[in-house]
Amino acid sequence: MKLPSLTFREWQALVKAFGSSLRGLGSPVVVGRNREGKTFTIHYHPGRRLDRREVSVMLKRLGIKPEEFLRWYRGRKHASTKH
């Protein structure tokens, strides 16, 4: 399964959608809890894209299955093209 790369804004939306108790949102380092209640820390510089390998690692930290992520991602893309 091929995952897309993400921009900084897409990454932030993903963390907001699947994380809780977030600290540092808007900065390169976000700390929070995933749905299982485990803490995670994700480092990401706003000036670059998150490549597919990094997306995979981030999904594991957030406790999200790739299939669930792709449904969210496609739904988000579809919703943003509607006017």
C-alpha atoms as a PDB file:
ATOM      1  CA  MET A   1       0.000   0.000   0.000  1.00  0.00           C
ATOM      2  CA  LYS A   2       1.446   3.313  -1.080  1.00  0.00           C
ATOM      3  CA  LEU A   3       1.060   6.170   1.386  1.00  0.00           C
ATOM      4  CA  PRO A   4       1.072   9.815   0.267  1.00  0.00           C
ATOM      5  CA  SER A   5       3.607  12.368   1.451  1.00  0.00           C
ATOM      6  CA  LEU A   6       2.158  15.102   3.674  1.00  0.00           C
ATOM      7  CA  THR A   7       2.558  18.852   3.959  1.00  0.00           C
ATOM      8  CA  PHE A   8       2.881  20.550   7.332  1.00  0.00           C
ATOM      9  CA  ARG A   9      -0.820  21.544   7.303  1.00  0.00           C
ATOM     10  CA  GLU A  10      -1.946  18.016   6.418  1.00  0.00           C
ATOM     11  CA  TRP A  11       0.264  16.637   9.180  1.00  0.00           C
ATOM     12  CA  GLN A  12      -1.259  19.031  11.719  1.00  0.00           C
ATOM     13  CA  ALA A  13      -4.790  18.087  10.637  1.00  0.00           C
ATOM     14  CA  LEU A  14      -3.930  14.406  11.043  1.00  0.00           C
ATOM     15  CA  VAL A  15      -2.536  14.909  14.549  1.00  0.00           C
ATOM     16  CA  LYS A  16      -5.618  16.957  15.518  1.00  0.00           C
ATOM     17  CA  ALA A  17      -7.954  14.282  14.135  1.00  0.00           C
ATOM     18  CA  PHE A  18      -6.314  11.277  15.825  1.00  0.00           C
ATOM     19  CA  GLY A  19      -4.406  12.648  18.815  1.00  0.00           C
ATOM     20  CA  SER A  20      -5.433  14.128  22.149  1.00  0.00           C
ATOM     21  CA  SER A  21      -3.821  16.209  24.898  1.00  0.00           C
ATOM     22  CA  LEU A  22      -1.715  17.902  22.237  1.00  0.00           C
ATOM     23  CA  ARG A  23       1.067  20.316  23.171  1.00  0.00           C
ATOM     24  CA  GLY A  24       3.180  22.291  20.753  1.00  0.00           C
ATOM     25  CA  LEU A  25       0.761  22.223  17.842  1.00  0.00           C
ATOM     26  CA  GLY A  26       2.031  24.756  15.324  1.00  0.00           C
ATOM     27  CA  SER A  27       5.648  24.121  16.244  1.00  0.00           C
ATOM     28  CA  PRO A  28       8.004  21.471  14.813  1.00  0.00           C
ATOM     29  CA  VAL A  29       7.594  19.224  17.886  1.00  0.00           C
ATOM     30  CA  VAL A  30       4.194  17.940  19.009  1.00  0.00           C
ATOM     31  CA  VAL A  31       3.624  15.837  22.114  1.00  0.00           C
ATOM     32  CA  GLY A  32       0.309  14.153  22.813  1.00  0.00           C
ATOM     33  CA  ARG A  33      -1.556  10.917  23.400  1.00  0.00           C
ATOM     34  CA  ASN A  34      -2.795   8.448  20.816  1.00  0.00           C
ATOM     35  CA  ARG A  35      -6.155   6.669  21.019  1.00  0.00           C
ATOM     36  CA  GLU A  36      -4.645   3.929  23.162  1.00  0.00           C
ATOM     37  CA  GLY A  37      -3.562   6.546  25.720  1.00  0.00           C
ATOM     38  CA  LYS A  38       0.147   6.144  24.959  1.00  0.00           C
ATOM     39  CA  THR A  39       2.232   9.291  24.682  1.00  0.00           C
ATOM     40  CA  PHE A  40       3.946  10.188  21.433  1.00  0.00           C
ATOM     41  CA  THR A  41       6.388  12.809  20.243  1.00  0.00           C
ATOM     42  CA  ILE A  42       6.636  13.745  16.583  1.00  0.00           C
ATOM     43  CA  HIS A  43       9.272  16.065  15.116  1.00  0.00           C
ATOM     44  CA  TYR A  44       8.490  17.701  11.778  1.00  0.00           C
ATOM     45  CA  HIS A  45       9.915  20.850  10.189  1.00  0.00           C
ATOM     46  CA  PRO A  46       7.263  23.109   8.598  1.00  0.00           C
ATOM     47  CA  GLY A  47       9.409  23.880   5.561  1.00  0.00           C
ATOM     48  CA  ARG A  48       9.374  20.388   4.063  1.00  0.00           C
ATOM     49  CA  ARG A  49       7.080  17.505   3.162  1.00  0.00           C
ATOM     50  CA  LEU A  50       6.801  14.379   5.282  1.00  0.00           C
ATOM     51  CA  ASP A  51       7.835  11.503   2.990  1.00  0.00           C
ATOM     52  CA  ARG A  52       6.022   8.155   2.781  1.00  0.00           C
ATOM     53  CA  ARG A  53       8.409   6.372   5.137  1.00  0.00           C
ATOM     54  CA  GLU A  54       7.995   9.103   7.744  1.00  0.00           C
ATOM     55  CA  VAL A  55       4.204   8.975   7.333  1.00  0.00           C
ATOM     56  CA  SER A  56       4.336   5.248   8.096  1.00  0.00           C
ATOM     57  CA  VAL A  57       6.343   5.848  11.290  1.00  0.00           C
ATOM     58  CA  MET A  58       3.979   8.617  12.354  1.00  0.00           C
ATOM     59  CA  LEU A  59       0.926   6.394  11.832  1.00  0.00           C
ATOM     60  CA  LYS A  60       2.460   3.780  14.118  1.00  0.00           C
ATOM     61  CA  ARG A  61       3.075   6.388  16.818  1.00  0.00           C
ATOM     62  CA  LEU A  62      -0.508   7.617  16.535  1.00  0.00           C
ATOM     63  CA  GLY A  63      -1.891   4.062  16.548  1.00  0.00           C
ATOM     64  CA  ILE A  64      -3.577   4.416  13.147  1.00  0.00           C
ATOM     65  CA  LYS A  65      -3.833   1.633  10.573  1.00  0.00           C
ATOM     66  CA  PRO A  66      -2.799   2.636   7.034  1.00  0.00           C
ATOM     67  CA  GLU A  67      -6.279   1.789   5.702  1.00  0.00           C
ATOM     68  CA  GLU A  68      -7.908   4.084   8.263  1.00  0.00           C
ATOM     69  CA  PHE A  69      -5.460   6.862   7.412  1.00  0.00           C
ATOM     70  CA  LEU A  70      -6.164   6.541   3.689  1.00  0.00           C
ATOM     71  CA  ARG A  71      -9.945   6.764   4.277  1.00  0.00           C
ATOM     72  CA  TRP A  72      -9.380   9.928   6.333  1.00  0.00           C
ATOM     73  CA  TYR A  73      -6.947  11.376   3.784  1.00  0.00           C
ATOM     74  CA  ARG A  74      -9.172  10.690   0.767  1.00  0.00           C
ATOM     75  CA  GLY A  75     -12.237  12.028   2.568  1.00  0.00           C
ATOM     76  CA  ARG A  76     -10.354  15.173   3.491  1.00  0.00           C
ATOM     77  CA  LYS A  77      -9.129  15.676  -0.062  1.00  0.00           C
ATOM     78  CA  HIS A  78     -12.628  15.061  -1.441  1.00  0.00           C
ATOM     79  CA  ALA A  79     -14.180  17.513   1.025  1.00  0.00           C
ATOM     80  CA  SER A  80     -11.665  20.246   0.181  1.00  0.00           C
ATOM     81  CA  THR A  81     -12.479  20.090  -3.545  1.00  0.00           C
ATOM     82  CA  LYS A  82     -16.227  20.610  -2.986  1.00  0.00           C
ATOM     83  CA  HIS A  83     -17.535  24.160  -2.984  1.00  0.00           C
END
